[in-house]
Amino acid sequence: MRGKKDITRKEEQLNNVLFQDVCSIIERGRQQAYANVGQIAIATYWNIGRRIVEEEQNGEKRAAYGTGLMKTLSERLITIYGRCYSKRNLDYYKKFYLLFPNEEIVNTRVHNLEWSHVRRILSVVSPEARLWYLENASKGMWSVRELDRNISSQYFERRLAAQLPANTKDLQTASEKDPLEYVKNPVVAEFMGFRRNSAYSESELEQALIDNLEKFILELGRGFAFVERQQHIVTQASDFYIDLVFYNFRMKRFVIFEIKTHRLSHQDIGQLDMYVRMYDDLVKGDDDQPTIGVLLCTDTDQTIARYSVLNDSDQLFAAKYMTYMPTEEELRREIEQQKEFFRLQHKNE
């Protein structure tokens, strides 16, 4: 009987130590909150997660009664600090620490983020993708909704498919002046409002992109600024109209988009190639990098990728666009198909 009482007393003492430690972490966090509410809150939750993990790993004796640890801790914290320390949230804090155990990453890559951002990122399976979303959501000052949309549309995986680096570390360090940093295939444009398999003309598609320009630019990536729609280019013999023209300040180059409501064709590639050459000759400034041309079509073609000018040009790209948000499995399958298309398109790189 006495032995049981001793164990109970010891458990109580350990629980009190843990409770006091977590209270101290919360108080320190509160005191610094005026400096940067979001960043300090995230750091506070990370430290709570670390302390809980340390306690749970504190030997075999601790493991014997660790099941009720989180529930007990939560009940005591809620009475002082409120519902944000519910057992469910404590589980999130613990997961946050386990998935991001490097304190330096947490301290340097959560500027402009709130806890809601981090919680959404915790659902990402790939460690490389989690780190990328954390860093880019911070740099790009994405809202929680933007972050959710980018994760749901597998933004990271689509960039990875386009770049085809030797490993994902290469993707983390890719130059911001490299066009491959900004090419995603497929392009997911569900924001235009078209239903799956709905019919539309090229002008309607173009107008829908213009009407949702801010969302389209978010899909393209950082540094894009809209220049003109149906830009008129005059040569000695003819008049030409380019669908959409953007300038990317990070790459320091113009990016022109041609939009087609059919499968990729040799004629489309020839037209885009001519527009890119024309733009370099007639519009590009001396300080600008060579123009990039992107052809958006309803589907790509591996034969054209292998045997057209796409195969040996570092200025031309083709990508499939999807006017609806596919299921996770559909998108994963599409990414794999477009990865093979890209490999054929740029096999010599």
Protein backbone atom coordinates (compact mmCIF):
# COMPACT_ATOMS: atom_id res chain seq x y z
CA MET A 1 0.00 0.00 0.00
CA ARG A 2 2.77 2.34 0.96
CA GLY A 3 4.57 1.63 -2.34
CA LYS A 4 1.48 2.67 -4.32
CA LYS A 5 1.23 5.92 -2.36
CA ASP A 6 4.89 6.64 -3.03
CA ILE A 7 4.38 6.13 -6.78
CA THR A 8 1.28 8.35 -6.73
CA ARG A 9 3.17 11.07 -4.84
CA LYS A 10 6.07 10.85 -7.27
CA GLU A 11 3.72 11.09 -10.24
CA GLU A 12 2.11 14.14 -8.67
CA GLN A 13 5.50 15.77 -8.14
CA LEU A 14 6.52 15.10 -11.75
CA ASN A 15 3.20 16.45 -12.99
CA ASN A 16 3.70 19.58 -10.90
CA VAL A 17 7.19 20.09 -12.31
CA LEU A 18 5.86 19.74 -15.85
CA PHE A 19 2.93 22.03 -15.08
CA GLN A 20 5.21 24.73 -13.65
CA ASP A 21 7.63 24.46 -16.57
CA VAL A 22 4.86 24.85 -19.15
CA CYS A 23 3.40 27.79 -17.18
CA SER A 24 6.83 29.47 -17.28
CA ILE A 25 7.05 28.96 -21.04
CA ILE A 26 3.60 30.48 -21.52
CA GLU A 27 4.40 33.46 -19.29
CA ARG A 28 7.66 34.17 -21.15
CA GLY A 29 5.78 33.94 -24.39
CA ARG A 30 3.10 36.36 -23.18
CA GLN A 31 5.66 38.88 -22.01
CA GLN A 32 7.29 39.01 -25.44
CA ALA A 33 4.04 38.92 -27.43
CA TYR A 34 3.97 42.71 -28.01
CA ALA A 35 7.08 42.38 -30.22
CA ASN A 36 5.69 39.92 -32.72
CA VAL A 37 2.48 38.23 -31.72
CA GLY A 38 2.42 35.54 -34.39
CA GLN A 39 6.10 34.62 -34.26
CA ILE A 40 6.26 34.55 -30.48
CA ALA A 41 3.08 32.48 -30.24
CA ILE A 42 4.51 29.93 -32.67
CA ALA A 43 7.79 29.79 -30.73
CA THR A 44 5.83 29.39 -27.49
CA TYR A 45 3.85 26.45 -28.85
CA TRP A 46 7.04 24.86 -30.19
CA ASN A 47 8.68 25.13 -26.77
CA ILE A 48 5.61 23.60 -25.11
CA GLY A 49 5.80 20.74 -27.61
CA ARG A 50 9.48 20.23 -26.84
CA ARG A 51 8.89 20.20 -23.09
CA ILE A 52 6.07 17.65 -23.43
CA VAL A 53 8.22 15.38 -25.61
CA GLU A 54 11.09 15.65 -23.14
CA GLU A 55 8.77 14.65 -20.31
CA GLU A 56 7.29 11.72 -22.21
CA GLN A 57 10.75 10.43 -23.02
CA ASN A 58 11.92 10.69 -19.42
CA GLY A 59 12.53 6.98 -18.87
CA GLU A 60 10.41 3.88 -18.59
CA LYS A 61 8.81 4.88 -15.28
CA ARG A 62 7.33 7.95 -16.92
CA ALA A 63 5.94 5.92 -19.81
CA ALA A 64 3.94 3.77 -17.39
CA TYR A 65 1.55 6.58 -16.53
CA GLY A 66 2.13 8.86 -19.51
CA THR A 67 -1.26 8.16 -21.06
CA GLY A 68 -3.10 10.60 -18.82
CA LEU A 69 -0.33 13.19 -18.92
CA MET A 70 -1.73 15.39 -21.69
CA LYS A 71 -5.27 15.30 -20.34
CA THR A 72 -4.17 16.29 -16.84
CA LEU A 73 -1.85 19.00 -18.12
CA SER A 74 -4.54 20.40 -20.40
CA GLU A 75 -7.17 20.55 -17.65
CA ARG A 76 -4.86 22.53 -15.38
CA LEU A 77 -3.67 24.92 -18.10
CA ILE A 78 -7.19 25.66 -19.36
CA THR A 79 -8.25 27.00 -15.96
CA ILE A 80 -5.51 29.65 -16.20
CA TYR A 81 -4.89 30.27 -19.90
CA GLY A 82 -8.06 29.20 -21.71
CA ARG A 83 -9.08 26.77 -24.45
CA CYS A 84 -6.00 27.22 -26.65
CA TYR A 85 -4.34 24.70 -24.31
CA SER A 86 -6.91 21.96 -24.84
CA LYS A 87 -5.60 18.41 -25.17
CA ARG A 88 -6.13 18.58 -28.93
CA ASN A 89 -3.98 21.71 -29.19
CA LEU A 90 -1.30 20.26 -26.94
CA ASP A 91 -1.17 17.32 -29.36
CA TYR A 92 -0.61 19.80 -32.19
CA TYR A 93 2.20 21.54 -30.26
CA LYS A 94 3.83 18.19 -29.67
CA LYS A 95 3.52 17.27 -33.35
CA PHE A 96 4.95 20.68 -34.32
CA TYR A 97 8.09 19.99 -32.31
CA LEU A 98 8.44 16.43 -33.60
CA LEU A 99 8.12 17.53 -37.25
CA PHE A 100 10.34 20.63 -36.84
CA PRO A 101 12.86 19.72 -34.12
CA ASN A 102 15.41 22.31 -35.36
CA GLU A 103 14.89 25.45 -33.26
CA GLU A 104 16.79 27.62 -35.73
CA ILE A 105 14.28 26.80 -38.49
CA VAL A 106 11.38 27.76 -36.23
CA ASN A 107 13.03 31.04 -35.20
CA THR A 108 14.03 32.13 -38.70
CA ARG A 109 11.23 30.92 -41.00
CA VAL A 110 7.98 31.88 -39.32
CA HIS A 111 7.99 35.65 -39.89
CA ASN A 112 4.59 36.88 -41.19
CA LEU A 113 2.95 33.60 -40.14
CA GLU A 114 0.28 32.76 -37.59
CA TRP A 115 -0.30 29.51 -35.78
CA SER A 116 -3.08 28.67 -38.29
CA HIS A 117 -0.41 28.59 -41.04
CA VAL A 118 1.74 26.16 -39.09
CA ARG A 119 -1.18 23.92 -38.22
CA ARG A 120 -2.07 23.59 -41.91
CA ILE A 121 1.54 22.77 -42.79
CA LEU A 122 1.63 20.00 -40.17
CA SER A 123 -0.75 17.99 -42.37
CA VAL A 124 1.81 17.81 -45.21
CA VAL A 125 3.42 14.38 -45.39
CA SER A 126 6.73 15.17 -47.12
CA PRO A 127 9.42 16.73 -44.85
CA GLU A 128 10.89 18.64 -47.82
CA ALA A 129 7.47 20.01 -48.76
CA ARG A 130 6.70 21.03 -45.17
CA LEU A 131 9.90 23.03 -44.96
CA TRP A 132 9.29 24.60 -48.38
CA TYR A 133 5.74 25.67 -47.48
CA LEU A 134 6.92 27.12 -44.17
CA GLU A 135 9.63 29.19 -45.86
CA ASN A 136 7.60 30.32 -48.86
CA ALA A 137 4.44 31.14 -46.92
CA SER A 138 6.63 33.39 -44.78
CA LYS A 139 8.47 35.00 -47.70
CA GLY A 140 5.35 35.45 -49.80
CA MET A 141 3.20 36.56 -46.84
CA TRP A 142 0.52 34.07 -47.90
CA SER A 143 -2.80 34.23 -46.13
CA VAL A 144 -4.00 31.00 -44.51
CA ARG A 145 -6.44 30.59 -47.41
CA GLU A 146 -3.65 30.98 -49.97
CA LEU A 147 -1.50 28.47 -48.12
CA ASP A 148 -4.37 26.00 -47.95
CA ARG A 149 -5.01 26.38 -51.68
CA ASN A 150 -1.33 25.88 -52.53
CA ILE A 151 -1.07 22.76 -50.40
CA SER A 152 -4.33 21.38 -51.80
CA SER A 153 -3.12 21.96 -55.37
CA GLN A 154 0.25 20.33 -54.56
CA TYR A 155 2.15 23.48 -55.51
CA PHE A 156 5.47 22.08 -54.28
CA GLU A 157 5.11 18.81 -56.17
CA ARG A 158 4.22 20.60 -59.40
CA ARG A 159 7.34 22.76 -59.18
CA LEU A 160 9.37 19.68 -58.39
CA ALA A 161 7.97 17.90 -61.44
CA ALA A 162 8.94 20.83 -63.67
CA GLN A 163 12.47 21.15 -62.32
CA LEU A 164 13.30 17.45 -62.14
CA PRO A 165 16.37 18.09 -59.96
CA ALA A 166 18.72 15.33 -58.90
CA ASN A 167 17.24 15.61 -55.43
CA THR A 168 14.89 17.89 -53.54
CA LYS A 169 17.80 19.75 -51.95
CA ASP A 170 18.54 21.19 -55.40
CA LEU A 171 15.00 22.57 -55.47
CA GLN A 172 15.53 24.38 -52.18
CA THR A 173 18.61 26.18 -53.51
CA ALA A 174 17.42 26.85 -57.08
CA SER A 175 18.22 30.32 -58.38
CA GLU A 176 15.33 32.78 -58.44
CA LYS A 177 16.48 33.81 -61.93
CA ASP A 178 16.00 30.31 -63.28
CA PRO A 179 12.78 30.04 -65.35
CA LEU A 180 12.28 26.50 -64.08
CA GLU A 181 11.68 28.02 -60.66
CA TYR A 182 8.40 29.43 -62.01
CA VAL A 183 7.09 26.77 -64.39
CA LYS A 184 4.41 24.51 -62.95
CA ASN A 185 2.78 21.71 -64.84
CA PRO A 186 -0.12 21.28 -64.63
CA VAL A 187 -1.40 24.77 -63.91
CA VAL A 188 -4.43 24.56 -61.63
CA ALA A 189 -6.86 27.41 -62.34
CA GLU A 190 -10.04 26.40 -60.58
CA PHE A 191 -10.55 30.02 -59.52
CA MET A 192 -11.84 30.91 -63.01
CA GLY A 193 -15.21 29.39 -62.21
CA PHE A 194 -15.46 26.90 -65.08
CA ARG A 195 -16.98 23.52 -64.33
CA ARG A 196 -15.32 20.26 -65.25
CA ASN A 197 -15.78 19.51 -68.98
CA SER A 198 -17.49 22.87 -69.60
CA ALA A 199 -17.09 24.45 -73.05
CA TYR A 200 -15.44 27.87 -73.44
CA SER A 201 -13.60 29.86 -76.08
CA GLU A 202 -10.02 31.14 -75.89
CA SER A 203 -11.27 34.70 -75.38
CA GLU A 204 -13.53 33.55 -72.51
CA LEU A 205 -10.65 31.69 -70.92
CA GLU A 206 -8.38 34.69 -71.29
CA GLN A 207 -11.05 37.00 -69.83
CA ALA A 208 -11.53 34.65 -66.87
CA LEU A 209 -7.79 34.79 -66.14
CA ILE A 210 -7.86 38.59 -66.31
CA ASP A 211 -10.91 38.72 -64.03
CA ASN A 212 -8.98 36.58 -61.53
CA LEU A 213 -5.60 38.15 -62.16
CA GLU A 214 -4.49 38.27 -58.54
CA LYS A 215 -5.19 34.54 -58.09
CA PHE A 216 -3.54 33.70 -61.40
CA ILE A 217 -0.38 35.58 -60.40
CA LEU A 218 -0.37 33.68 -57.09
CA GLU A 219 -0.53 30.44 -59.07
CA LEU A 220 2.37 31.57 -61.27
CA GLY A 221 4.65 32.41 -58.34
CA ARG A 222 6.58 35.32 -56.85
CA GLY A 223 7.69 38.40 -58.76
CA PHE A 224 5.08 38.53 -61.55
CA ALA A 225 3.54 41.82 -62.66
CA PHE A 226 0.86 42.08 -65.34
CA VAL A 227 1.89 44.05 -68.44
CA GLU A 228 -0.83 43.75 -71.07
CA ARG A 229 -3.55 41.62 -72.60
CA GLN A 230 -3.61 41.07 -76.39
CA GLN A 231 -0.44 43.14 -76.74
CA HIS A 232 -0.18 44.48 -80.26
CA ILE A 233 3.16 43.84 -82.00
CA VAL A 234 3.67 45.45 -85.40
CA THR A 235 6.21 44.23 -87.94
CA GLN A 236 6.90 45.50 -91.45
CA ALA A 237 4.50 42.97 -92.94
CA SER A 238 1.94 42.02 -90.28
CA ASP A 239 0.17 42.70 -86.97
CA PHE A 240 0.31 40.20 -84.11
CA TYR A 241 -1.52 39.99 -80.79
CA ILE A 242 0.01 38.17 -77.81
CA ASP A 243 -2.57 36.80 -75.36
CA LEU A 244 -1.02 37.74 -71.99
CA VAL A 245 2.26 39.45 -71.13
CA PHE A 246 3.85 39.57 -67.67
CA TYR A 247 7.18 40.79 -66.37
CA ASN A 248 8.96 38.92 -63.61
CA PHE A 249 11.12 41.21 -61.49
CA ARG A 250 13.02 38.36 -59.90
CA MET A 251 14.02 36.80 -63.22
CA LYS A 252 14.24 40.25 -64.87
CA ARG A 253 12.53 39.02 -68.01
CA PHE A 254 9.23 39.17 -69.86
CA VAL A 255 7.01 36.09 -69.76
CA ILE A 256 4.39 35.73 -72.48
CA PHE A 257 1.47 33.31 -72.32
CA GLU A 258 -0.45 31.88 -75.23
CA ILE A 259 -3.70 30.13 -74.31
CA LYS A 260 -5.25 27.34 -76.37
CA THR A 261 -8.50 25.45 -75.80
CA HIS A 262 -7.18 22.31 -77.46
CA ARG A 263 -4.36 19.79 -77.15
CA LEU A 264 -0.79 20.96 -77.81
CA SER A 265 0.10 21.12 -81.52
CA HIS A 266 3.19 21.84 -83.65
CA GLN A 267 1.47 24.97 -84.97
CA ASP A 268 1.02 26.30 -81.42
CA ILE A 269 4.70 25.76 -80.64
CA GLY A 270 5.74 27.44 -83.89
CA GLN A 271 3.55 30.45 -83.11
CA LEU A 272 4.92 30.75 -79.57
CA ASP A 273 8.51 30.44 -80.83
CA MET A 274 7.89 33.26 -83.31
CA TYR A 275 6.36 35.48 -80.60
CA VAL A 276 9.31 34.93 -78.27
CA ARG A 277 11.87 35.75 -80.99
CA MET A 278 9.83 38.79 -82.01
CA TYR A 279 9.56 40.01 -78.42
CA ASP A 280 13.30 39.65 -77.85
CA ASP A 281 13.98 41.62 -81.01
CA LEU A 282 11.37 44.39 -80.74
CA VAL A 283 10.49 44.84 -77.05
CA LYS A 284 13.12 43.40 -74.68
CA GLY A 285 15.50 45.95 -73.19
CA ASP A 286 19.27 45.55 -73.03
CA ASP A 287 19.08 44.87 -69.29
CA ASP A 288 16.37 42.22 -69.61
CA GLN A 289 17.02 38.50 -69.71
CA PRO A 290 15.72 36.56 -72.76
CA THR A 291 11.94 36.33 -72.98
CA ILE A 292 10.16 33.19 -71.82
CA GLY A 293 7.14 31.79 -73.65
CA VAL A 294 4.61 29.51 -71.97
CA LEU A 295 1.88 27.78 -73.90
CA LEU A 296 -1.13 26.78 -71.82
CA CYS A 297 -3.20 24.02 -73.41
CA THR A 298 -5.84 21.47 -72.44
CA ASP A 299 -3.35 18.62 -72.75
CA THR A 300 0.30 18.06 -73.65
CA ASP A 301 1.82 15.67 -76.18
CA GLN A 302 4.99 13.66 -75.66
CA THR A 303 5.68 13.28 -79.37
CA ILE A 304 5.65 17.05 -79.84
CA ALA A 305 7.88 17.45 -76.79
CA ARG A 306 10.40 15.07 -78.34
CA TYR A 307 10.39 16.23 -81.96
CA SER A 308 9.50 19.93 -81.92
CA VAL A 309 11.51 23.07 -81.15
CA LEU A 310 10.44 22.56 -77.52
CA ASN A 311 13.12 19.90 -77.28
CA ASP A 312 16.10 22.22 -77.71
CA SER A 313 14.86 25.58 -76.43
CA ASP A 314 15.38 26.96 -72.95
CA GLN A 315 12.91 29.79 -73.64
CA LEU A 316 9.82 27.76 -74.59
CA PHE A 317 7.58 25.77 -72.26
CA ALA A 318 4.23 24.05 -72.58
CA ALA A 319 1.96 23.23 -69.67
CA LYS A 320 -1.45 21.71 -69.22
CA TYR A 321 -4.06 23.83 -67.43
CA MET A 322 -6.93 22.46 -65.37
CA THR A 323 -9.97 24.68 -64.90
CA TYR A 324 -11.14 22.72 -61.87
CA MET A 325 -9.54 21.47 -58.67
CA PRO A 326 -8.87 17.76 -59.20
CA THR A 327 -8.92 15.19 -56.46
CA GLU A 328 -5.63 14.49 -54.72
CA GLU A 329 -5.23 11.23 -56.62
CA GLU A 330 -6.10 12.81 -60.00
CA LEU A 331 -3.58 15.57 -59.42
CA ARG A 332 -0.87 13.15 -58.32
CA ARG A 333 -1.42 11.11 -61.48
CA GLU A 334 -1.39 14.25 -63.63
CA ILE A 335 1.86 15.46 -62.07
CA GLU A 336 3.53 12.16 -62.91
CA GLN A 337 2.32 12.34 -66.52
CA GLN A 338 3.51 15.93 -66.93
CA LYS A 339 6.84 15.05 -65.33
CA GLU A 340 7.47 12.61 -68.19
CA PHE A 341 6.37 15.25 -70.71
CA PHE A 342 8.80 17.74 -69.21
CA ARG A 343 11.63 15.19 -69.27
CA LEU A 344 11.14 14.71 -73.02
CA GLN A 345 10.80 18.43 -73.56
CA HIS A 346 14.10 19.21 -71.81
CA LYS A 347 16.01 15.94 -72.03
CA ASN A 348 19.32 17.66 -72.75
CA GLU A 349 19.32 19.86 -69.64
